[in-house]
């Protein structure tokens, strides 16, 4: 009987420790996601094309991030351009002009996205190994 009680106590302690570890990992990952999002916004502001025609820096300065969803175990963030969202596709991929010429794209979103994914993967590995 005493052995059964000890096993139950051990089971309870193991479950408590796993729950604490799980909560700690979830919080660490959520913090990493927020940090990487902020850094990605800074990168996009620095690498985005600047045009004299549409107001110098309005597009580049329009990048922002916000939490779309957050629960105790999960977080989803969105990075977007709040001032000139219609330009993201045109500037990233290029576009035709009114007189029939073509403007080459200036890739700035995809490289920032790839760098963010790599940084987040590294940060998650660090959080999990703690």
N, C-alpha and C. Protein backbone atom coordinates (compact mmCIF):
# COMPACT_ATOMS: atom_id res chain seq x y z
N UNK A 1 0.82 -1.20 0.00
CA UNK A 1 0.00 0.00 0.00
C UNK A 1 0.87 1.27 0.00
N UNK A 2 1.91 1.27 0.82
CA UNK A 2 2.79 2.43 0.90
C UNK A 2 3.49 2.67 -0.45
N UNK A 3 3.81 1.57 -1.13
CA UNK A 3 4.47 1.70 -2.44
C UNK A 3 3.54 2.35 -3.46
N UNK A 4 2.26 2.00 -3.43
CA UNK A 4 1.28 2.57 -4.35
C UNK A 4 1.12 4.08 -4.11
N UNK A 5 1.12 4.47 -2.84
CA UNK A 5 1.00 5.89 -2.50
C UNK A 5 2.22 6.64 -3.01
N UNK A 6 3.42 6.08 -2.84
CA UNK A 6 4.64 6.73 -3.31
C UNK A 6 4.63 6.89 -4.83
N UNK A 7 4.16 5.87 -5.54
CA UNK A 7 4.08 5.96 -6.99
C UNK A 7 3.10 7.04 -7.43
N UNK A 8 1.99 7.15 -6.72
CA UNK A 8 1.02 8.19 -7.04
C UNK A 8 1.61 9.58 -6.77
N UNK A 9 2.33 9.72 -5.67
CA UNK A 9 2.98 10.99 -5.35
C UNK A 9 4.04 11.34 -6.40
N UNK A 10 4.79 10.32 -6.81
CA UNK A 10 5.81 10.52 -7.84
C UNK A 10 5.16 10.95 -9.15
N UNK A 11 4.07 10.29 -9.50
CA UNK A 11 3.35 10.64 -10.73
C UNK A 11 2.85 12.09 -10.68
N UNK A 12 2.31 12.49 -9.55
CA UNK A 12 1.82 13.86 -9.38
C UNK A 12 2.97 14.86 -9.53
N UNK A 13 4.11 14.57 -8.94
CA UNK A 13 5.27 15.46 -9.03
C UNK A 13 5.79 15.55 -10.46
N UNK A 14 5.82 14.42 -11.16
CA UNK A 14 6.28 14.41 -12.54
C UNK A 14 5.35 15.25 -13.42
N UNK A 15 4.06 15.10 -13.23
CA UNK A 15 3.08 15.86 -14.00
C UNK A 15 3.24 17.36 -13.71
N UNK A 16 3.45 17.72 -12.43
CA UNK A 16 3.64 19.14 -12.08
C UNK A 16 4.88 19.71 -12.76
N UNK A 17 5.97 18.95 -12.74
CA UNK A 17 7.22 19.42 -13.35
C UNK A 17 7.08 19.55 -14.87
N UNK A 18 6.41 18.60 -15.50
CA UNK A 18 6.20 18.68 -16.94
C UNK A 18 5.32 19.88 -17.31
N UNK A 19 4.31 20.14 -16.51
CA UNK A 19 3.44 21.28 -16.76
C UNK A 19 4.22 22.59 -16.60
N UNK A 20 5.05 22.67 -15.57
CA UNK A 20 5.86 23.88 -15.36
C UNK A 20 6.84 24.07 -16.52
N UNK A 21 7.46 22.98 -16.98
CA UNK A 21 8.38 23.05 -18.10
C UNK A 21 7.64 23.49 -19.36
N UNK A 22 6.48 22.92 -19.59
CA UNK A 22 5.66 23.27 -20.76
C UNK A 22 5.29 24.74 -20.74
N UNK A 23 4.87 25.25 -19.59
CA UNK A 23 4.51 26.67 -19.46
C UNK A 23 5.73 27.56 -19.71
N UNK A 24 6.87 27.15 -19.18
CA UNK A 24 8.10 27.92 -19.35
C UNK A 24 8.52 27.96 -20.82
N UNK A 25 8.42 26.83 -21.50
CA UNK A 25 8.77 26.78 -22.92
C UNK A 25 7.80 27.64 -23.73
N UNK A 26 6.51 27.55 -23.45
CA UNK A 26 5.52 28.34 -24.19
C UNK A 26 5.78 29.83 -24.01
N UNK A 27 6.06 30.27 -22.79
CA UNK A 27 6.35 31.69 -22.55
C UNK A 27 7.63 32.12 -23.26
N UNK A 28 8.64 31.25 -23.24
CA UNK A 28 9.89 31.58 -23.92
C UNK A 28 9.71 31.70 -25.42
N UNK A 29 8.93 30.81 -25.99
CA UNK A 29 8.68 30.86 -27.43
C UNK A 29 7.86 32.10 -27.79
N UNK A 30 6.86 32.42 -26.98
CA UNK A 30 6.05 33.60 -27.25
C UNK A 30 6.92 34.87 -27.20
N UNK A 31 7.83 34.93 -26.25
CA UNK A 31 8.73 36.08 -26.17
C UNK A 31 9.64 36.13 -27.40
N UNK A 32 10.13 34.97 -27.83
CA UNK A 32 10.99 34.92 -29.01
C UNK A 32 10.24 35.38 -30.26
N UNK A 33 8.98 34.98 -30.39
CA UNK A 33 8.17 35.40 -31.54
C UNK A 33 8.02 36.92 -31.55
N UNK A 34 7.72 37.50 -30.40
CA UNK A 34 7.56 38.96 -30.32
C UNK A 34 8.87 39.67 -30.64
N UNK A 35 9.98 39.16 -30.12
CA UNK A 35 11.28 39.78 -30.37
C UNK A 35 11.65 39.71 -31.85
N UNK A 36 11.45 38.54 -32.47
CA UNK A 36 11.78 38.38 -33.88
C UNK A 36 10.88 39.27 -34.74
N UNK A 37 9.62 39.40 -34.38
CA UNK A 37 8.71 40.27 -35.13
C UNK A 37 9.19 41.72 -35.07
N UNK A 38 9.58 42.19 -33.90
CA UNK A 38 10.09 43.57 -33.77
C UNK A 38 11.36 43.76 -34.60
N UNK A 39 12.23 42.79 -34.56
CA UNK A 39 13.48 42.88 -35.33
C UNK A 39 13.19 42.86 -36.83
N UNK A 40 12.21 42.07 -37.25
CA UNK A 40 11.84 42.01 -38.66
C UNK A 40 11.26 43.34 -39.13
N UNK A 41 10.47 43.97 -38.29
CA UNK A 41 9.94 45.30 -38.64
C UNK A 41 11.09 46.29 -38.81
N UNK A 42 12.06 46.25 -37.91
CA UNK A 42 13.22 47.15 -38.04
C UNK A 42 13.97 46.88 -39.35
N UNK A 43 14.13 45.60 -39.69
CA UNK A 43 14.81 45.22 -40.94
C UNK A 43 14.04 45.74 -42.15
N UNK A 44 12.73 45.55 -42.15
CA UNK A 44 11.91 46.01 -43.27
C UNK A 44 11.96 47.53 -43.41
N UNK A 45 11.95 48.23 -42.30
CA UNK A 45 12.04 49.69 -42.36
C UNK A 45 13.37 50.13 -42.96
N UNK A 46 14.41 49.37 -42.67
CA UNK A 46 15.74 49.73 -43.18
C UNK A 46 15.94 49.33 -44.64
N UNK A 47 15.34 48.24 -45.07
CA UNK A 47 15.61 47.72 -46.42
C UNK A 47 14.53 48.04 -47.45
N UNK A 48 13.42 48.61 -47.04
CA UNK A 48 12.34 48.91 -47.98
C UNK A 48 12.74 50.05 -48.91
N UNK A 49 12.25 49.98 -50.16
CA UNK A 49 12.53 51.07 -51.09
C UNK A 49 11.92 52.38 -50.61
N UNK A 50 12.59 53.46 -50.92
CA UNK A 50 12.10 54.79 -50.58
C UNK A 50 11.89 55.56 -51.87
N UNK A 51 10.75 56.21 -51.98
CA UNK A 51 10.40 56.93 -53.20
C UNK A 51 10.17 58.40 -52.90
N UNK A 52 10.68 59.23 -53.77
CA UNK A 52 10.44 60.67 -53.62
C UNK A 52 9.03 61.03 -54.05
N UNK A 53 8.43 60.21 -54.92
CA UNK A 53 7.11 60.52 -55.46
C UNK A 53 6.00 60.34 -54.44
N UNK A 54 6.05 59.27 -53.67
CA UNK A 54 4.95 59.00 -52.73
C UNK A 54 5.26 59.49 -51.32
N UNK A 55 6.20 60.34 -51.20
CA UNK A 55 6.58 60.85 -49.89
C UNK A 55 7.74 60.05 -49.36
N UNK A 56 8.87 60.69 -49.14
CA UNK A 56 10.08 59.96 -48.76
C UNK A 56 9.89 59.18 -47.47
N UNK A 57 10.03 57.87 -47.56
CA UNK A 57 10.00 57.03 -46.38
C UNK A 57 8.64 56.63 -45.87
N UNK A 58 7.56 57.08 -46.50
CA UNK A 58 6.23 56.73 -45.99
C UNK A 58 6.00 55.23 -46.05
N UNK A 59 6.38 54.61 -47.17
CA UNK A 59 6.23 53.16 -47.29
C UNK A 59 7.13 52.45 -46.30
N UNK A 60 8.40 52.82 -46.28
CA UNK A 60 9.37 52.15 -45.41
C UNK A 60 9.01 52.31 -43.94
N UNK A 61 8.53 53.48 -43.57
CA UNK A 61 8.21 53.73 -42.16
C UNK A 61 6.87 53.13 -41.74
N UNK A 62 6.11 52.60 -42.69
CA UNK A 62 4.79 52.06 -42.38
C UNK A 62 4.76 50.66 -41.83
N UNK A 63 5.90 49.98 -41.75
CA UNK A 63 5.91 48.59 -41.27
C UNK A 63 5.60 48.53 -39.78
N UNK A 64 4.77 47.57 -39.42
CA UNK A 64 4.38 47.40 -38.03
C UNK A 64 4.07 45.92 -37.77
N UNK A 65 4.05 45.56 -36.51
CA UNK A 65 3.66 44.20 -36.14
C UNK A 65 2.60 44.29 -35.05
N UNK A 66 1.73 43.29 -35.04
CA UNK A 66 0.74 43.25 -33.98
C UNK A 66 0.36 41.82 -33.69
N UNK A 67 -0.06 41.59 -32.46
CA UNK A 67 -0.49 40.26 -32.04
C UNK A 67 -1.90 40.03 -32.59
N UNK A 68 -2.05 39.01 -33.40
CA UNK A 68 -3.36 38.66 -33.96
C UNK A 68 -4.13 37.75 -33.01
N UNK A 69 -3.41 36.86 -32.32
CA UNK A 69 -4.04 35.90 -31.42
C UNK A 69 -3.02 35.50 -30.38
N UNK A 70 -3.47 35.38 -29.15
CA UNK A 70 -2.58 34.90 -28.09
C UNK A 70 -3.39 34.11 -27.08
N UNK A 71 -2.87 32.94 -26.73
CA UNK A 71 -3.44 32.10 -25.69
C UNK A 71 -2.28 31.69 -24.78
N UNK A 72 -2.55 30.97 -23.71
CA UNK A 72 -1.44 30.55 -22.85
C UNK A 72 -0.38 29.70 -23.57
N UNK A 73 -0.78 28.99 -24.63
CA UNK A 73 0.17 28.11 -25.31
C UNK A 73 0.57 28.60 -26.69
N UNK A 74 -0.05 29.62 -27.23
CA UNK A 74 0.12 29.96 -28.64
C UNK A 74 0.13 31.48 -28.84
N UNK A 75 0.79 31.89 -29.91
CA UNK A 75 0.77 33.30 -30.29
C UNK A 75 0.88 33.37 -31.82
N UNK A 76 0.16 34.32 -32.40
CA UNK A 76 0.24 34.58 -33.83
C UNK A 76 0.37 36.08 -34.03
N UNK A 77 1.39 36.46 -34.79
CA UNK A 77 1.64 37.87 -35.04
C UNK A 77 1.58 38.16 -36.52
N UNK A 78 1.20 39.40 -36.84
CA UNK A 78 1.12 39.83 -38.24
C UNK A 78 2.05 41.02 -38.41
N UNK A 79 2.84 40.96 -39.47
CA UNK A 79 3.69 42.08 -39.85
C UNK A 79 3.09 42.63 -41.14
N UNK A 80 2.81 43.91 -41.15
CA UNK A 80 2.17 44.50 -42.32
C UNK A 80 2.61 45.96 -42.48
N UNK A 81 2.28 46.50 -43.63
CA UNK A 81 2.56 47.90 -43.90
C UNK A 81 1.26 48.67 -43.74
N UNK A 82 1.17 49.50 -42.73
CA UNK A 82 -0.09 50.18 -42.43
C UNK A 82 -0.32 51.43 -43.29
N UNK A 83 0.75 52.01 -43.84
CA UNK A 83 0.56 53.25 -44.59
C UNK A 83 0.34 53.02 -46.08
N UNK A 84 1.03 52.07 -46.67
CA UNK A 84 0.93 51.81 -48.12
C UNK A 84 0.86 50.30 -48.39
N UNK A 85 -0.15 49.61 -47.88
CA UNK A 85 -0.20 48.15 -48.05
C UNK A 85 -0.33 47.72 -49.50
N UNK A 86 -0.90 48.57 -50.34
CA UNK A 86 -1.10 48.21 -51.74
C UNK A 86 0.22 48.16 -52.51
N UNK A 87 1.27 48.72 -51.97
CA UNK A 87 2.56 48.75 -52.66
C UNK A 87 3.42 47.52 -52.41
N UNK A 88 3.11 46.74 -51.41
CA UNK A 88 4.00 45.63 -51.03
C UNK A 88 4.24 44.68 -52.20
N UNK A 89 3.19 44.23 -52.85
CA UNK A 89 3.33 43.30 -53.96
C UNK A 89 4.05 43.95 -55.15
N UNK A 90 3.68 45.19 -55.46
CA UNK A 90 4.27 45.88 -56.60
C UNK A 90 5.77 46.11 -56.41
N UNK A 91 6.15 46.54 -55.23
CA UNK A 91 7.57 46.82 -54.99
C UNK A 91 8.39 45.54 -54.85
N UNK A 92 7.80 44.52 -54.28
CA UNK A 92 8.51 43.25 -54.10
C UNK A 92 8.72 42.54 -55.45
N UNK A 93 7.71 42.55 -56.31
CA UNK A 93 7.73 41.74 -57.53
C UNK A 93 7.89 42.53 -58.82
N UNK A 94 7.82 43.82 -58.77
CA UNK A 94 7.90 44.63 -59.98
C UNK A 94 6.51 44.86 -60.56
N UNK A 95 6.44 45.80 -61.54
CA UNK A 95 5.14 46.11 -62.12
C UNK A 95 5.32 46.85 -63.43
N UNK A 96 4.25 46.92 -64.20
CA UNK A 96 4.25 47.67 -65.45
C UNK A 96 3.92 49.13 -65.16
N UNK A 97 4.44 50.00 -65.97
CA UNK A 97 4.13 51.43 -65.82
C UNK A 97 3.05 51.83 -66.82
N UNK A 98 2.56 53.03 -66.69
CA UNK A 98 1.49 53.54 -67.55
C UNK A 98 1.94 53.56 -69.01
N UNK A 99 3.19 53.91 -69.28
CA UNK A 99 3.66 54.03 -70.66
C UNK A 99 4.16 52.70 -71.25
N UNK A 100 3.91 51.60 -70.56
CA UNK A 100 4.26 50.28 -71.10
C UNK A 100 5.62 49.75 -70.68
N UNK A 101 6.39 50.53 -69.97
CA UNK A 101 7.68 50.04 -69.47
C UNK A 101 7.45 49.10 -68.29
N UNK A 102 8.52 48.55 -67.79
CA UNK A 102 8.45 47.63 -66.66
C UNK A 102 9.42 48.09 -65.58
N UNK A 103 8.97 48.08 -64.35
CA UNK A 103 9.82 48.41 -63.20
C UNK A 103 10.19 47.11 -62.52
N UNK A 104 11.47 46.87 -62.35
CA UNK A 104 11.92 45.65 -61.68
C UNK A 104 11.54 45.69 -60.20
N UNK A 105 11.29 44.51 -59.67
CA UNK A 105 10.99 44.40 -58.24
C UNK A 105 12.23 44.62 -57.39
N UNK A 106 11.99 45.02 -56.16
CA UNK A 106 13.08 45.17 -55.19
C UNK A 106 12.77 44.27 -54.01
N UNK A 107 13.20 43.02 -54.09
CA UNK A 107 12.88 42.07 -53.01
C UNK A 107 13.39 42.58 -51.66
N UNK A 108 12.48 42.79 -50.76
CA UNK A 108 12.83 43.21 -49.41
C UNK A 108 11.99 42.46 -48.37
N UNK A 109 10.83 41.98 -48.77
CA UNK A 109 9.96 41.26 -47.83
C UNK A 109 10.42 39.81 -47.67
N UNK A 110 10.62 39.12 -48.80
CA UNK A 110 11.00 37.71 -48.73
C UNK A 110 12.32 37.49 -47.97
N UNK A 111 13.37 38.30 -48.23
CA UNK A 111 14.59 38.10 -47.45
C UNK A 111 14.39 38.34 -45.95
N UNK A 112 13.57 39.34 -45.60
CA UNK A 112 13.31 39.61 -44.18
C UNK A 112 12.52 38.45 -43.56
N UNK A 113 11.58 37.90 -44.33
CA UNK A 113 10.79 36.76 -43.85
C UNK A 113 11.68 35.55 -43.61
N UNK A 114 12.58 35.26 -44.55
CA UNK A 114 13.47 34.11 -44.41
C UNK A 114 14.42 34.30 -43.22
N UNK A 115 14.95 35.49 -43.06
CA UNK A 115 15.84 35.77 -41.92
C UNK A 115 15.07 35.61 -40.61
N UNK A 116 13.82 36.06 -40.58
CA UNK A 116 13.00 35.94 -39.37
C UNK A 116 12.75 34.47 -39.05
N UNK A 117 12.45 33.67 -40.06
CA UNK A 117 12.20 32.25 -39.83
C UNK A 117 13.45 31.57 -39.27
N UNK A 118 14.61 31.90 -39.82
CA UNK A 118 15.86 31.32 -39.32
C UNK A 118 16.15 31.75 -37.88
N UNK A 119 15.95 33.03 -37.58
CA UNK A 119 16.18 33.52 -36.22
C UNK A 119 15.22 32.88 -35.23
N UNK A 120 13.97 32.76 -35.63
CA UNK A 120 12.99 32.16 -34.73
C UNK A 120 13.31 30.70 -34.47
N UNK A 121 13.73 29.98 -35.49
CA UNK A 121 14.08 28.57 -35.30
C UNK A 121 15.24 28.45 -34.31
N UNK A 122 16.24 29.31 -34.44
CA UNK A 122 17.36 29.29 -33.50
C UNK A 122 16.92 29.64 -32.09
N UNK A 123 16.05 30.64 -31.96
CA UNK A 123 15.57 31.05 -30.64
C UNK A 123 14.74 29.95 -29.98
N UNK A 124 13.94 29.26 -30.77
CA UNK A 124 13.12 28.17 -30.23
C UNK A 124 14.02 27.04 -29.73
N UNK A 125 15.06 26.74 -30.49
CA UNK A 125 15.99 25.68 -30.05
C UNK A 125 16.65 26.05 -28.72
N UNK A 126 17.00 27.31 -28.56
CA UNK A 126 17.61 27.77 -27.31
C UNK A 126 16.62 27.64 -26.15
N UNK A 127 15.37 28.04 -26.37
CA UNK A 127 14.35 27.98 -25.32
C UNK A 127 14.10 26.53 -24.91
N UNK A 128 14.02 25.65 -25.85
CA UNK A 128 13.71 24.24 -25.55
C UNK A 128 14.86 23.56 -24.81
N UNK A 129 16.09 23.94 -25.13
CA UNK A 129 17.26 23.31 -24.49
C UNK A 129 17.48 23.75 -23.05
N UNK A 130 16.88 24.86 -22.65
CA UNK A 130 17.08 25.37 -21.27
C UNK A 130 16.57 24.39 -20.25
